[in-house]
Amino acid sequence: MLVAKIGVQYVAPYLSQMNLHDIDAHTEISLLRSMKEQYGFQTKLMIASIQSISDVTHAANIGVSAATLSPSCLKEWLSGHELTQKITDIFAEHFSSFAQNHGCDLFATLA
């Protein structure tokens, strides 16, 4: 959190890399969140490279500001919520022409 002292907007620990190197990512991220609160830093915590639904849940439970998910994790998460999946499908249908014209492949990934 040293970068918080210079006023950066976000700090983004890469959860998958922490796990890959046998670092207890959940504990480290919880500590970062605690330090942010304890010292009153305005820097937001964005967890990057989330690979599992349990990691999404952990990030939400500790109150992170933002997260990045792998396409497979996002698809799994959406498939677990019927109404969310239905609304996402409707949005994707309406938004698909814009996405195609602007090179966005998110909806192809979710299909």
N, C-alpha and C. Protein backbone atom coordinates (compact mmCIF):
# COMPACT_ATOMS: atom_id res chain seq x y z
N MET A 1 0.81 -1.20 0.00
CA MET A 1 0.00 0.00 0.00
C MET A 1 0.86 1.26 0.00
N LEU A 2 2.15 1.12 -0.21
CA LEU A 2 3.00 2.30 -0.31
C LEU A 2 2.52 3.24 -1.41
N VAL A 3 2.01 2.69 -2.50
CA VAL A 3 1.55 3.53 -3.61
C VAL A 3 0.36 4.38 -3.20
N ALA A 4 -0.38 3.96 -2.20
CA ALA A 4 -1.52 4.75 -1.72
C ALA A 4 -1.04 6.09 -1.16
N LYS A 5 0.17 6.12 -0.63
CA LYS A 5 0.73 7.36 -0.09
C LYS A 5 0.95 8.42 -1.16
N ILE A 6 1.14 7.99 -2.42
CA ILE A 6 1.33 8.97 -3.49
C ILE A 6 0.03 9.26 -4.24
N GLY A 7 -1.06 8.67 -3.77
CA GLY A 7 -2.38 9.03 -4.29
C GLY A 7 -2.86 8.29 -5.53
N VAL A 8 -2.33 7.10 -5.81
CA VAL A 8 -2.84 6.36 -6.96
C VAL A 8 -4.31 6.01 -6.74
N GLN A 9 -5.06 5.91 -7.84
CA GLN A 9 -6.50 5.62 -7.71
C GLN A 9 -6.77 4.17 -7.34
N TYR A 10 -6.03 3.25 -7.94
CA TYR A 10 -6.26 1.82 -7.71
C TYR A 10 -4.96 1.10 -7.43
N VAL A 11 -5.03 0.08 -6.61
CA VAL A 11 -3.96 -0.89 -6.46
C VAL A 11 -4.60 -2.23 -6.85
N ALA A 12 -3.88 -3.02 -7.65
CA ALA A 12 -4.48 -4.23 -8.22
C ALA A 12 -3.61 -5.46 -8.00
N PRO A 13 -3.72 -6.10 -6.85
CA PRO A 13 -3.00 -7.36 -6.66
C PRO A 13 -3.58 -8.44 -7.57
N TYR A 14 -2.71 -9.21 -8.20
CA TYR A 14 -3.13 -10.28 -9.11
C TYR A 14 -3.31 -11.56 -8.31
N LEU A 15 -4.55 -11.88 -8.06
CA LEU A 15 -4.88 -13.02 -7.21
C LEU A 15 -4.34 -14.33 -7.77
N SER A 16 -4.49 -14.56 -9.06
CA SER A 16 -4.02 -15.83 -9.64
C SER A 16 -2.51 -15.98 -9.50
N GLN A 17 -1.77 -14.88 -9.63
CA GLN A 17 -0.31 -14.94 -9.48
C GLN A 17 0.08 -15.21 -8.03
N MET A 18 -0.66 -14.62 -7.11
CA MET A 18 -0.38 -14.88 -5.69
C MET A 18 -0.58 -16.36 -5.39
N ASN A 19 -1.69 -16.91 -5.88
CA ASN A 19 -1.96 -18.33 -5.65
C ASN A 19 -0.89 -19.21 -6.30
N LEU A 20 -0.46 -18.83 -7.50
CA LEU A 20 0.54 -19.59 -8.24
C LEU A 20 1.87 -19.66 -7.47
N HIS A 21 2.17 -18.62 -6.71
CA HIS A 21 3.42 -18.56 -5.96
C HIS A 21 3.24 -18.90 -4.48
N ASP A 22 2.18 -19.66 -4.19
CA ASP A 22 1.90 -20.14 -2.83
C ASP A 22 1.78 -19.04 -1.79
N ILE A 23 1.23 -17.91 -2.21
CA ILE A 23 0.92 -16.82 -1.28
C ILE A 23 -0.55 -16.94 -0.92
N ASP A 24 -0.88 -16.84 0.34
CA ASP A 24 -2.28 -16.91 0.77
C ASP A 24 -2.97 -15.62 0.33
N ALA A 25 -3.52 -15.65 -0.87
CA ALA A 25 -4.08 -14.45 -1.49
C ALA A 25 -5.22 -13.85 -0.67
N HIS A 26 -6.09 -14.69 -0.14
CA HIS A 26 -7.22 -14.16 0.63
C HIS A 26 -6.75 -13.39 1.86
N THR A 27 -5.75 -13.94 2.54
CA THR A 27 -5.21 -13.25 3.72
C THR A 27 -4.54 -11.94 3.32
N GLU A 28 -3.73 -11.97 2.27
CA GLU A 28 -3.03 -10.76 1.83
C GLU A 28 -4.01 -9.67 1.41
N ILE A 29 -5.04 -10.04 0.68
CA ILE A 29 -6.02 -9.06 0.22
C ILE A 29 -6.81 -8.50 1.40
N SER A 30 -7.14 -9.35 2.35
CA SER A 30 -7.81 -8.87 3.56
C SER A 30 -6.93 -7.89 4.32
N LEU A 31 -5.63 -8.17 4.38
CA LEU A 31 -4.69 -7.25 5.04
C LEU A 31 -4.62 -5.91 4.31
N LEU A 32 -4.58 -5.95 2.98
CA LEU A 32 -4.57 -4.71 2.20
C LEU A 32 -5.82 -3.88 2.49
N ARG A 33 -6.95 -4.55 2.54
CA ARG A 33 -8.22 -3.86 2.82
C ARG A 33 -8.18 -3.24 4.22
N SER A 34 -7.68 -3.97 5.18
CA SER A 34 -7.58 -3.46 6.55
C SER A 34 -6.65 -2.25 6.63
N MET A 35 -5.51 -2.32 5.95
CA MET A 35 -4.56 -1.20 5.94
C MET A 35 -5.19 0.03 5.30
N LYS A 36 -5.92 -0.19 4.23
CA LYS A 36 -6.60 0.92 3.55
C LYS A 36 -7.53 1.64 4.52
N GLU A 37 -8.29 0.88 5.26
CA GLU A 37 -9.22 1.46 6.23
C GLU A 37 -8.49 2.11 7.41
N GLN A 38 -7.51 1.40 7.95
CA GLN A 38 -6.79 1.88 9.13
C GLN A 38 -6.11 3.22 8.87
N TYR A 39 -5.53 3.38 7.69
CA TYR A 39 -4.79 4.61 7.40
C TYR A 39 -5.59 5.62 6.60
N GLY A 40 -6.83 5.30 6.29
CA GLY A 40 -7.70 6.24 5.59
C GLY A 40 -7.29 6.52 4.15
N PHE A 41 -6.63 5.56 3.51
CA PHE A 41 -6.23 5.75 2.12
C PHE A 41 -7.45 5.82 1.22
N GLN A 42 -7.41 6.70 0.23
CA GLN A 42 -8.50 6.81 -0.74
C GLN A 42 -8.31 5.84 -1.91
N THR A 43 -7.13 5.26 -2.02
CA THR A 43 -6.85 4.30 -3.08
C THR A 43 -7.85 3.15 -3.02
N LYS A 44 -8.37 2.77 -4.19
CA LYS A 44 -9.33 1.68 -4.26
C LYS A 44 -8.60 0.37 -4.52
N LEU A 45 -9.17 -0.69 -3.99
CA LEU A 45 -8.60 -2.02 -4.13
C LEU A 45 -9.33 -2.77 -5.24
N MET A 46 -8.60 -3.12 -6.31
CA MET A 46 -9.17 -3.89 -7.41
C MET A 46 -8.43 -5.22 -7.49
N ILE A 47 -9.14 -6.29 -7.29
CA ILE A 47 -8.53 -7.61 -7.35
C ILE A 47 -8.50 -8.05 -8.81
N ALA A 48 -7.32 -8.34 -9.30
CA ALA A 48 -7.16 -8.70 -10.72
C ALA A 48 -7.01 -10.21 -10.89
N SER A 49 -7.46 -10.68 -12.03
CA SER A 49 -7.24 -12.07 -12.47
C SER A 49 -7.91 -13.09 -11.56
N ILE A 50 -9.17 -12.85 -11.25
CA ILE A 50 -9.95 -13.81 -10.45
C ILE A 50 -10.32 -14.99 -11.34
N GLN A 51 -10.11 -16.19 -10.81
CA GLN A 51 -10.34 -17.41 -11.58
C GLN A 51 -11.47 -18.28 -11.05
N SER A 52 -12.03 -17.97 -9.88
CA SER A 52 -13.07 -18.84 -9.31
C SER A 52 -14.17 -18.03 -8.64
N ILE A 53 -15.33 -18.65 -8.56
CA ILE A 53 -16.48 -18.01 -7.92
C ILE A 53 -16.21 -17.77 -6.44
N SER A 54 -15.51 -18.68 -5.79
CA SER A 54 -15.21 -18.48 -4.36
C SER A 54 -14.34 -17.24 -4.16
N ASP A 55 -13.46 -16.95 -5.12
CA ASP A 55 -12.64 -15.73 -5.03
C ASP A 55 -13.49 -14.48 -5.26
N VAL A 56 -14.48 -14.57 -6.15
CA VAL A 56 -15.42 -13.45 -6.35
C VAL A 56 -16.15 -13.18 -5.05
N THR A 57 -16.63 -14.23 -4.42
CA THR A 57 -17.37 -14.11 -3.16
C THR A 57 -16.49 -13.49 -2.08
N HIS A 58 -15.26 -13.95 -1.97
CA HIS A 58 -14.35 -13.39 -0.96
C HIS A 58 -14.12 -11.91 -1.21
N ALA A 59 -13.87 -11.54 -2.46
CA ALA A 59 -13.64 -10.13 -2.80
C ALA A 59 -14.85 -9.28 -2.43
N ALA A 60 -16.03 -9.78 -2.74
CA ALA A 60 -17.25 -9.04 -2.41
C ALA A 60 -17.44 -8.93 -0.90
N ASN A 61 -17.16 -10.00 -0.19
CA ASN A 61 -17.36 -10.00 1.27
C ASN A 61 -16.44 -9.03 1.99
N ILE A 62 -15.24 -8.81 1.47
CA ILE A 62 -14.35 -7.87 2.16
C ILE A 62 -14.50 -6.45 1.62
N GLY A 63 -15.34 -6.29 0.58
CA GLY A 63 -15.66 -4.95 0.11
C GLY A 63 -14.65 -4.32 -0.84
N VAL A 64 -14.07 -5.12 -1.74
CA VAL A 64 -13.17 -4.52 -2.72
C VAL A 64 -13.96 -3.63 -3.67
N SER A 65 -13.29 -2.66 -4.25
CA SER A 65 -13.95 -1.69 -5.13
C SER A 65 -14.22 -2.23 -6.52
N ALA A 66 -13.35 -3.10 -7.01
CA ALA A 66 -13.49 -3.61 -8.38
C ALA A 66 -12.74 -4.93 -8.50
N ALA A 67 -13.04 -5.65 -9.57
CA ALA A 67 -12.37 -6.92 -9.81
C ALA A 67 -12.34 -7.21 -11.30
N THR A 68 -11.35 -8.00 -11.71
CA THR A 68 -11.34 -8.52 -13.07
C THR A 68 -11.46 -10.03 -12.98
N LEU A 69 -12.29 -10.59 -13.84
CA LEU A 69 -12.54 -12.03 -13.83
C LEU A 69 -12.13 -12.63 -15.16
N SER A 70 -11.70 -13.87 -15.13
CA SER A 70 -11.44 -14.58 -16.38
C SER A 70 -12.78 -14.79 -17.08
N PRO A 71 -12.78 -14.89 -18.41
CA PRO A 71 -14.04 -15.13 -19.12
C PRO A 71 -14.77 -16.38 -18.63
N SER A 72 -14.03 -17.45 -18.33
CA SER A 72 -14.69 -18.67 -17.86
C SER A 72 -15.33 -18.47 -16.49
N CYS A 73 -14.68 -17.70 -15.63
CA CYS A 73 -15.25 -17.41 -14.31
C CYS A 73 -16.50 -16.56 -14.43
N LEU A 74 -16.45 -15.56 -15.30
CA LEU A 74 -17.62 -14.71 -15.52
C LEU A 74 -18.79 -15.53 -16.05
N LYS A 75 -18.51 -16.39 -17.01
CA LYS A 75 -19.56 -17.23 -17.59
C LYS A 75 -20.16 -18.15 -16.52
N GLU A 76 -19.31 -18.76 -15.70
CA GLU A 76 -19.79 -19.63 -14.62
C GLU A 76 -20.64 -18.85 -13.63
N TRP A 77 -20.19 -17.67 -13.29
CA TRP A 77 -20.92 -16.83 -12.33
C TRP A 77 -22.30 -16.47 -12.87
N LEU A 78 -22.36 -16.05 -14.13
CA LEU A 78 -23.64 -15.68 -14.73
C LEU A 78 -24.57 -16.88 -14.87
N SER A 79 -24.01 -18.05 -15.17
CA SER A 79 -24.85 -19.22 -15.37
C SER A 79 -25.50 -19.68 -14.07
N GLY A 80 -24.96 -19.27 -12.95
CA GLY A 80 -25.53 -19.64 -11.66
C GLY A 80 -26.71 -18.79 -11.24
N HIS A 81 -27.04 -17.78 -12.02
CA HIS A 81 -28.14 -16.87 -11.69
C HIS A 81 -29.05 -16.75 -12.91
N GLU A 82 -30.16 -17.46 -12.87
CA GLU A 82 -31.04 -17.56 -14.03
C GLU A 82 -31.50 -16.20 -14.55
N LEU A 83 -31.98 -15.33 -13.67
CA LEU A 83 -32.48 -14.03 -14.12
C LEU A 83 -31.33 -13.17 -14.68
N THR A 84 -30.19 -13.20 -14.01
CA THR A 84 -29.03 -12.45 -14.50
C THR A 84 -28.64 -12.94 -15.89
N GLN A 85 -28.63 -14.26 -16.09
CA GLN A 85 -28.30 -14.81 -17.40
C GLN A 85 -29.31 -14.38 -18.45
N LYS A 86 -30.59 -14.39 -18.09
CA LYS A 86 -31.64 -14.00 -19.03
C LYS A 86 -31.47 -12.53 -19.45
N ILE A 87 -31.24 -11.65 -18.48
CA ILE A 87 -31.06 -10.22 -18.78
C ILE A 87 -29.78 -10.00 -19.58
N THR A 88 -28.72 -10.74 -19.24
CA THR A 88 -27.47 -10.64 -19.99
C THR A 88 -27.68 -11.06 -21.44
N ASP A 89 -28.44 -12.12 -21.66
CA ASP A 89 -28.72 -12.58 -23.02
C ASP A 89 -29.50 -11.52 -23.81
N ILE A 90 -30.48 -10.90 -23.17
CA ILE A 90 -31.27 -9.84 -23.82
C ILE A 90 -30.36 -8.66 -24.17
N PHE A 91 -29.54 -8.24 -23.21
CA PHE A 91 -28.62 -7.13 -23.44
C PHE A 91 -27.66 -7.47 -24.58
N ALA A 92 -27.11 -8.68 -24.55
CA ALA A 92 -26.17 -9.10 -25.59
C ALA A 92 -26.82 -9.07 -26.97
N GLU A 93 -28.07 -9.50 -27.03
CA GLU A 93 -28.79 -9.49 -28.30
C GLU A 93 -28.94 -8.07 -28.83
N HIS A 94 -29.33 -7.14 -27.97
CA HIS A 94 -29.53 -5.75 -28.38
C HIS A 94 -28.22 -5.03 -28.65
N PHE A 95 -27.17 -5.43 -27.98
CA PHE A 95 -25.89 -4.74 -28.05
C PHE A 95 -24.94 -5.34 -29.09
N SER A 96 -25.30 -6.49 -29.64
CA SER A 96 -24.37 -7.24 -30.48
C SER A 96 -23.88 -6.46 -31.70
N SER A 97 -24.75 -5.68 -32.34
CA SER A 97 -24.29 -4.94 -33.53
C SER A 97 -23.24 -3.90 -33.14
N PHE A 98 -23.44 -3.22 -32.03
CA PHE A 98 -22.44 -2.26 -31.55
C PHE A 98 -21.13 -2.98 -31.25
N ALA A 99 -21.24 -4.11 -30.56
CA ALA A 99 -20.05 -4.87 -30.18
C ALA A 99 -19.27 -5.31 -31.42
N GLN A 100 -19.98 -5.79 -32.44
CA GLN A 100 -19.31 -6.23 -33.66
C GLN A 100 -18.62 -5.07 -34.36
N ASN A 101 -19.28 -3.92 -34.40
CA ASN A 101 -18.71 -2.75 -35.07
C ASN A 101 -17.51 -2.17 -34.34
N HIS A 102 -17.38 -2.48 -33.06
CA HIS A 102 -16.29 -1.91 -32.27
C HIS A 102 -15.29 -2.96 -31.78
N GLY A 103 -15.36 -4.15 -32.34
CA GLY A 103 -14.38 -5.18 -32.02
C GLY A 103 -14.48 -5.74 -30.62
N CYS A 104 -15.64 -5.67 -30.02
CA CYS A 104 -15.83 -6.19 -28.66
C CYS A 104 -16.20 -7.66 -28.74
N ASP A 105 -15.45 -8.52 -28.08
CA ASP A 105 -15.74 -9.95 -28.14
C ASP A 105 -16.32 -10.50 -26.84
N LEU A 106 -16.71 -9.63 -25.93
CA LEU A 106 -17.24 -10.08 -24.64
C LEU A 106 -18.43 -11.00 -24.84
N PHE A 107 -19.34 -10.61 -25.70
CA PHE A 107 -20.56 -11.39 -25.84
C PHE A 107 -20.31 -12.71 -26.56
N ALA A 108 -19.33 -12.75 -27.42
CA ALA A 108 -18.95 -14.02 -28.04
C ALA A 108 -18.41 -14.96 -26.97
N THR A 109 -17.69 -14.42 -26.02
CA THR A 109 -17.14 -15.20 -24.93
C THR A 109 -18.24 -15.76 -24.04
N LEU A 110 -19.28 -14.97 -23.82
CA LEU A 110 -20.36 -15.38 -22.93
C LEU A 110 -21.38 -16.28 -23.61
N ALA A 111 -21.39 -16.33 -24.91
CA ALA A 111 -22.39 -17.11 -25.65
C ALA A 111 -22.20 -18.59 -25.44
